[in-house]
Amino acid sequence: MKNLVLVGCAILLKETVNLNKLKNGIGSILENDQTLPHSHYRRLTRFFDEPIAKRQLWNRSAEAMAHDLAH
């Protein structure tokens, strides 16, 4: 849950979904200037690589597309 909120805050802060750009905002959100941006990038990629995250993201995307096509 913490990582979901973190990703959401980073998207709002950086106004992008590009992980390479989001990584630069993670340190300020966590108030941690000691961690390298590359570590934040790995954290973001691990978040999206989780099987449950993949399944939920794809299922919701498919549901949204099906809903849009139906209307």
C-alpha atoms as a PDB file:
ATOM      1  CA  MET A   1       0.000   0.000   0.000  1.00  0.00           C
ATOM      2  CA  LYS A   2       2.859   2.351   0.857  1.00  0.00           C
ATOM      3  CA  ASN A   3       4.382   1.932  -2.593  1.00  0.00           C
ATOM      4  CA  LEU A   4       1.039   2.542  -4.286  1.00  0.00           C
ATOM      5  CA  VAL A   5       0.680   5.869  -2.469  1.00  0.00           C
ATOM      6  CA  LEU A   6       4.305   6.667  -3.244  1.00  0.00           C
ATOM      7  CA  VAL A   7       3.812   6.049  -6.973  1.00  0.00           C
ATOM      8  CA  GLY A   8       0.625   8.136  -6.957  1.00  0.00           C
ATOM      9  CA  CYS A   9       2.359  11.040  -5.225  1.00  0.00           C
ATOM     10  CA  ALA A  10       5.307  10.857  -7.615  1.00  0.00           C
ATOM     11  CA  ILE A  11       2.970  10.940 -10.625  1.00  0.00           C
ATOM     12  CA  LEU A  12       1.200  14.001  -9.252  1.00  0.00           C
ATOM     13  CA  LEU A  13       4.468  15.719  -8.353  1.00  0.00           C
ATOM     14  CA  LYS A  14       6.260  15.080 -11.650  1.00  0.00           C
ATOM     15  CA  GLU A  15       3.115  15.126 -13.842  1.00  0.00           C
ATOM     16  CA  THR A  16       4.276  12.109 -15.825  1.00  0.00           C
ATOM     17  CA  VAL A  17       4.108   8.330 -15.759  1.00  0.00           C
ATOM     18  CA  ASN A  18       7.648   7.935 -17.109  1.00  0.00           C
ATOM     19  CA  LEU A  19       9.492   5.905 -14.463  1.00  0.00           C
ATOM     20  CA  ASN A  20      12.814   7.433 -15.442  1.00  0.00           C
ATOM     21  CA  LYS A  21      11.442  10.871 -14.552  1.00  0.00           C
ATOM     22  CA  LEU A  22       9.491   9.683 -11.498  1.00  0.00           C
ATOM     23  CA  LYS A  23      12.618   8.265  -9.864  1.00  0.00           C
ATOM     24  CA  ASN A  24      13.939  11.793  -9.319  1.00  0.00           C
ATOM     25  CA  GLY A  25      10.949  12.775  -7.183  1.00  0.00           C
ATOM     26  CA  ILE A  26      10.877   9.753  -4.873  1.00  0.00           C
ATOM     27  CA  GLY A  27      13.666  11.014  -2.598  1.00  0.00           C
ATOM     28  CA  SER A  28      11.862  14.269  -1.847  1.00  0.00           C
ATOM     29  CA  ILE A  29       8.584  12.455  -1.166  1.00  0.00           C
ATOM     30  CA  LEU A  30      10.308  10.071   1.248  1.00  0.00           C
ATOM     31  CA  GLU A  31      12.415  12.925   2.678  1.00  0.00           C
ATOM     32  CA  ASN A  32      15.491  10.804   1.979  1.00  0.00           C
ATOM     33  CA  ASP A  33      18.329  12.497   0.101  1.00  0.00           C
ATOM     34  CA  GLN A  34      20.792   9.674   0.783  1.00  0.00           C
ATOM     35  CA  THR A  35      19.324   7.102  -1.618  1.00  0.00           C
ATOM     36  CA  LEU A  36      20.417   7.200  -5.253  1.00  0.00           C
ATOM     37  CA  PRO A  37      17.813   7.800  -7.984  1.00  0.00           C
ATOM     38  CA  HIS A  38      18.762   4.443  -9.509  1.00  0.00           C
ATOM     39  CA  SER A  39      17.558   2.751  -6.316  1.00  0.00           C
ATOM     40  CA  HIS A  40      14.255   4.579  -6.595  1.00  0.00           C
ATOM     41  CA  TYR A  41      13.963   3.446 -10.205  1.00  0.00           C
ATOM     42  CA  ARG A  42      14.472  -0.177  -9.120  1.00  0.00           C
ATOM     43  CA  ARG A  43      11.784   0.301  -6.459  1.00  0.00           C
ATOM     44  CA  LEU A  44       9.352   1.564  -9.096  1.00  0.00           C
ATOM     45  CA  THR A  45      10.093  -1.275 -11.496  1.00  0.00           C
ATOM     46  CA  ARG A  46       9.702  -3.870  -8.724  1.00  0.00           C
ATOM     47  CA  PHE A  47       6.333  -2.338  -7.850  1.00  0.00           C
ATOM     48  CA  PHE A  48       5.067  -2.770 -11.412  1.00  0.00           C
ATOM     49  CA  ASP A  49       6.690  -6.196 -11.810  1.00  0.00           C
ATOM     50  CA  GLU A  50       4.735  -7.696  -8.904  1.00  0.00           C
ATOM     51  CA  PRO A  51       2.382 -10.362 -10.298  1.00  0.00           C
ATOM     52  CA  ILE A  52      -0.593  -9.015  -8.374  1.00  0.00           C
ATOM     53  CA  ALA A  53       0.045  -5.466  -9.630  1.00  0.00           C
ATOM     54  CA  LYS A  54       0.273  -6.684 -13.217  1.00  0.00           C
ATOM     55  CA  ARG A  55      -2.918  -8.674 -12.918  1.00  0.00           C
ATOM     56  CA  GLN A  56      -4.881  -5.855 -11.297  1.00  0.00           C
ATOM     57  CA  LEU A  57      -3.623  -3.176 -13.685  1.00  0.00           C
ATOM     58  CA  TRP A  58      -4.368  -5.273 -16.770  1.00  0.00           C
ATOM     59  CA  ASN A  59      -7.762  -6.410 -15.493  1.00  0.00           C
ATOM     60  CA  ARG A  60      -8.856  -2.863 -14.699  1.00  0.00           C
ATOM     61  CA  SER A  61      -7.563  -1.593 -18.040  1.00  0.00           C
ATOM     62  CA  ALA A  62      -9.447  -4.343 -19.866  1.00  0.00           C
ATOM     63  CA  GLU A  63     -12.618  -3.598 -17.898  1.00  0.00           C
ATOM     64  CA  ALA A  64     -12.350   0.121 -18.681  1.00  0.00           C
ATOM     65  CA  MET A  65     -11.829  -0.547 -22.393  1.00  0.00           C
ATOM     66  CA  ALA A  66     -14.766  -2.960 -22.483  1.00  0.00           C
ATOM     67  CA  HIS A  67     -16.935  -0.402 -20.731  1.00  0.00           C
ATOM     68  CA  ASP A  68     -15.905   2.333 -23.184  1.00  0.00           C
ATOM     69  CA  LEU A  69     -16.585   0.086 -26.186  1.00  0.00           C
ATOM     70  CA  ALA A  70     -20.029  -0.804 -24.846  1.00  0.00           C
ATOM     71  CA  HIS A  71     -21.091   2.833 -24.646  1.00  0.00           C
END
